[in-house]
Amino acid sequence: MVHERAAVSVDDLTLYPLFTEEIIGLMRALIPAARQRTVATSIVVTAELREGASPE
């Protein structure tokens, strides 16, 4: 089940240790300012394993 979808900006990416300062700087330099507000989409989902189902 999808609970939430949200746009992720370059500024949002600075909050997570996934990208170095150099990469963030490169994104700011190469991605046009108007597009920096939506460089990715965050999706929050939940799932459950049905009784008797194999996780493989």
N, C-alpha and C. Protein backbone atom coordinates (compact mmCIF):
# COMPACT_ATOMS: atom_id res chain seq x y z
N MET A 1 0.84 -1.17 0.00
CA MET A 1 0.00 0.00 0.00
C MET A 1 0.89 1.24 0.00
N VAL A 2 0.62 2.16 -0.90
CA VAL A 2 1.36 3.42 -0.96
C VAL A 2 0.72 4.40 0.02
N HIS A 3 1.52 4.91 0.95
CA HIS A 3 1.02 5.84 1.95
C HIS A 3 1.29 7.29 1.60
N GLU A 4 2.40 7.53 0.90
CA GLU A 4 2.79 8.91 0.63
C GLU A 4 3.72 8.98 -0.57
N ARG A 5 3.56 10.02 -1.35
CA ARG A 5 4.49 10.36 -2.43
C ARG A 5 4.83 11.83 -2.25
N ALA A 6 6.11 12.16 -2.36
CA ALA A 6 6.52 13.55 -2.18
C ALA A 6 7.71 13.86 -3.07
N ALA A 7 7.73 15.07 -3.60
CA ALA A 7 8.87 15.52 -4.39
C ALA A 7 10.07 15.72 -3.45
N VAL A 8 11.26 15.42 -3.97
CA VAL A 8 12.50 15.60 -3.22
C VAL A 8 13.36 16.60 -3.98
N SER A 9 13.84 17.61 -3.27
CA SER A 9 14.66 18.66 -3.90
C SER A 9 16.13 18.41 -3.60
N VAL A 10 16.98 19.14 -4.29
CA VAL A 10 18.42 19.07 -4.00
C VAL A 10 18.66 19.47 -2.55
N ASP A 11 17.95 20.47 -2.05
CA ASP A 11 18.09 20.87 -0.64
C ASP A 11 17.72 19.71 0.29
N ASP A 12 16.68 18.97 -0.03
CA ASP A 12 16.29 17.81 0.78
C ASP A 12 17.41 16.77 0.81
N LEU A 13 18.09 16.58 -0.29
CA LEU A 13 19.15 15.58 -0.36
C LEU A 13 20.30 15.87 0.59
N THR A 14 20.50 17.13 0.95
CA THR A 14 21.58 17.48 1.86
C THR A 14 21.32 16.96 3.27
N LEU A 15 20.09 16.59 3.57
CA LEU A 15 19.74 16.09 4.91
C LEU A 15 20.13 14.63 5.11
N TYR A 16 20.49 13.94 4.04
CA TYR A 16 20.82 12.52 4.10
C TYR A 16 22.28 12.31 3.71
N PRO A 17 22.95 11.35 4.33
CA PRO A 17 24.38 11.12 4.04
C PRO A 17 24.64 10.32 2.75
N LEU A 18 23.69 10.35 1.83
CA LEU A 18 23.85 9.59 0.59
C LEU A 18 24.77 10.28 -0.41
N PHE A 19 24.83 11.62 -0.35
CA PHE A 19 25.59 12.38 -1.32
C PHE A 19 26.60 13.28 -0.61
N THR A 20 27.80 13.35 -1.14
CA THR A 20 28.83 14.22 -0.57
C THR A 20 28.53 15.68 -0.92
N GLU A 21 29.20 16.58 -0.25
CA GLU A 21 29.05 18.01 -0.55
C GLU A 21 29.44 18.29 -1.99
N GLU A 22 30.44 17.56 -2.49
CA GLU A 22 30.88 17.75 -3.87
C GLU A 22 29.78 17.36 -4.86
N ILE A 23 29.10 16.26 -4.59
CA ILE A 23 28.02 15.82 -5.48
C ILE A 23 26.86 16.79 -5.43
N ILE A 24 26.52 17.26 -4.22
CA ILE A 24 25.44 18.24 -4.10
C ILE A 24 25.80 19.50 -4.88
N GLY A 25 27.05 19.94 -4.78
CA GLY A 25 27.51 21.11 -5.53
C GLY A 25 27.41 20.89 -7.03
N LEU A 26 27.75 19.68 -7.47
CA LEU A 26 27.65 19.34 -8.89
C LEU A 26 26.20 19.37 -9.35
N MET A 27 25.29 18.83 -8.52
CA MET A 27 23.86 18.88 -8.85
C MET A 27 23.38 20.33 -8.99
N ARG A 28 23.80 21.16 -8.04
CA ARG A 28 23.38 22.57 -8.09
C ARG A 28 23.91 23.27 -9.34
N ALA A 29 25.10 22.87 -9.78
CA ALA A 29 25.71 23.49 -10.95
C ALA A 29 25.09 22.99 -12.26
N LEU A 30 24.75 21.71 -12.31
CA LEU A 30 24.31 21.11 -13.57
C LEU A 30 22.80 21.05 -13.76
N ILE A 31 22.04 21.00 -12.68
CA ILE A 31 20.58 20.93 -12.79
C ILE A 31 20.03 22.34 -12.77
N PRO A 32 19.25 22.73 -13.77
CA PRO A 32 18.68 24.08 -13.78
C PRO A 32 17.90 24.37 -12.50
N ALA A 33 17.97 25.61 -12.02
CA ALA A 33 17.35 26.01 -10.76
C ALA A 33 15.87 25.62 -10.69
N ALA A 34 15.15 25.76 -11.78
CA ALA A 34 13.72 25.45 -11.79
C ALA A 34 13.46 23.96 -11.57
N ARG A 35 14.43 23.11 -11.90
CA ARG A 35 14.26 21.65 -11.75
C ARG A 35 14.79 21.13 -10.41
N GLN A 36 15.54 21.94 -9.69
CA GLN A 36 16.15 21.49 -8.44
C GLN A 36 15.12 21.20 -7.35
N ARG A 37 13.91 21.68 -7.51
CA ARG A 37 12.86 21.43 -6.52
C ARG A 37 12.29 20.02 -6.62
N THR A 38 12.47 19.36 -7.75
CA THR A 38 11.91 18.02 -7.93
C THR A 38 12.89 17.13 -8.69
N VAL A 39 13.95 16.72 -8.01
CA VAL A 39 14.94 15.86 -8.65
C VAL A 39 14.67 14.38 -8.41
N ALA A 40 13.76 14.08 -7.48
CA ALA A 40 13.42 12.69 -7.17
C ALA A 40 12.03 12.65 -6.55
N THR A 41 11.54 11.43 -6.34
CA THR A 41 10.26 11.24 -5.66
C THR A 41 10.46 10.25 -4.52
N SER A 42 10.00 10.64 -3.35
CA SER A 42 10.03 9.76 -2.18
C SER A 42 8.69 9.05 -2.11
N ILE A 43 8.73 7.74 -1.93
CA ILE A 43 7.51 6.95 -1.83
C ILE A 43 7.59 6.10 -0.57
N VAL A 44 6.56 6.21 0.27
CA VAL A 44 6.48 5.42 1.50
C VAL A 44 5.43 4.34 1.28
N VAL A 45 5.85 3.08 1.43
CA VAL A 45 4.94 1.95 1.21
C VAL A 45 5.03 0.98 2.38
N THR A 46 4.00 0.17 2.52
CA THR A 46 4.03 -0.95 3.46
C THR A 46 3.62 -2.21 2.70
N ALA A 47 4.11 -3.32 3.18
CA ALA A 47 3.76 -4.60 2.58
C ALA A 47 3.69 -5.63 3.68
N GLU A 48 3.00 -6.70 3.41
CA GLU A 48 2.97 -7.79 4.38
C GLU A 48 3.04 -9.11 3.64
N LEU A 49 3.59 -10.07 4.32
CA LEU A 49 3.71 -11.41 3.77
C LEU A 49 2.43 -12.18 4.10
N ARG A 50 1.78 -12.70 3.09
CA ARG A 50 0.55 -13.47 3.31
C ARG A 50 0.87 -14.76 4.06
N GLU A 51 -0.06 -15.17 4.89
CA GLU A 51 0.12 -16.41 5.65
C GLU A 51 0.36 -17.57 4.71
N GLY A 52 1.42 -18.31 4.97
CA GLY A 52 1.75 -19.46 4.16
C GLY A 52 2.62 -19.14 2.96
N ALA A 53 2.83 -17.86 2.66
CA ALA A 53 3.65 -17.47 1.50
C ALA A 53 5.13 -17.53 1.88
N SER A 54 5.96 -17.81 0.91
CA SER A 54 7.40 -17.85 1.10
C SER A 54 7.99 -16.46 0.83
N PRO A 55 8.93 -15.99 1.65
CA PRO A 55 9.52 -14.66 1.42
C PRO A 55 10.47 -14.62 0.23
N GLU A 56 10.71 -15.74 -0.42
CA GLU A 56 11.64 -15.78 -1.55
C GLU A 56 10.98 -15.46 -2.84
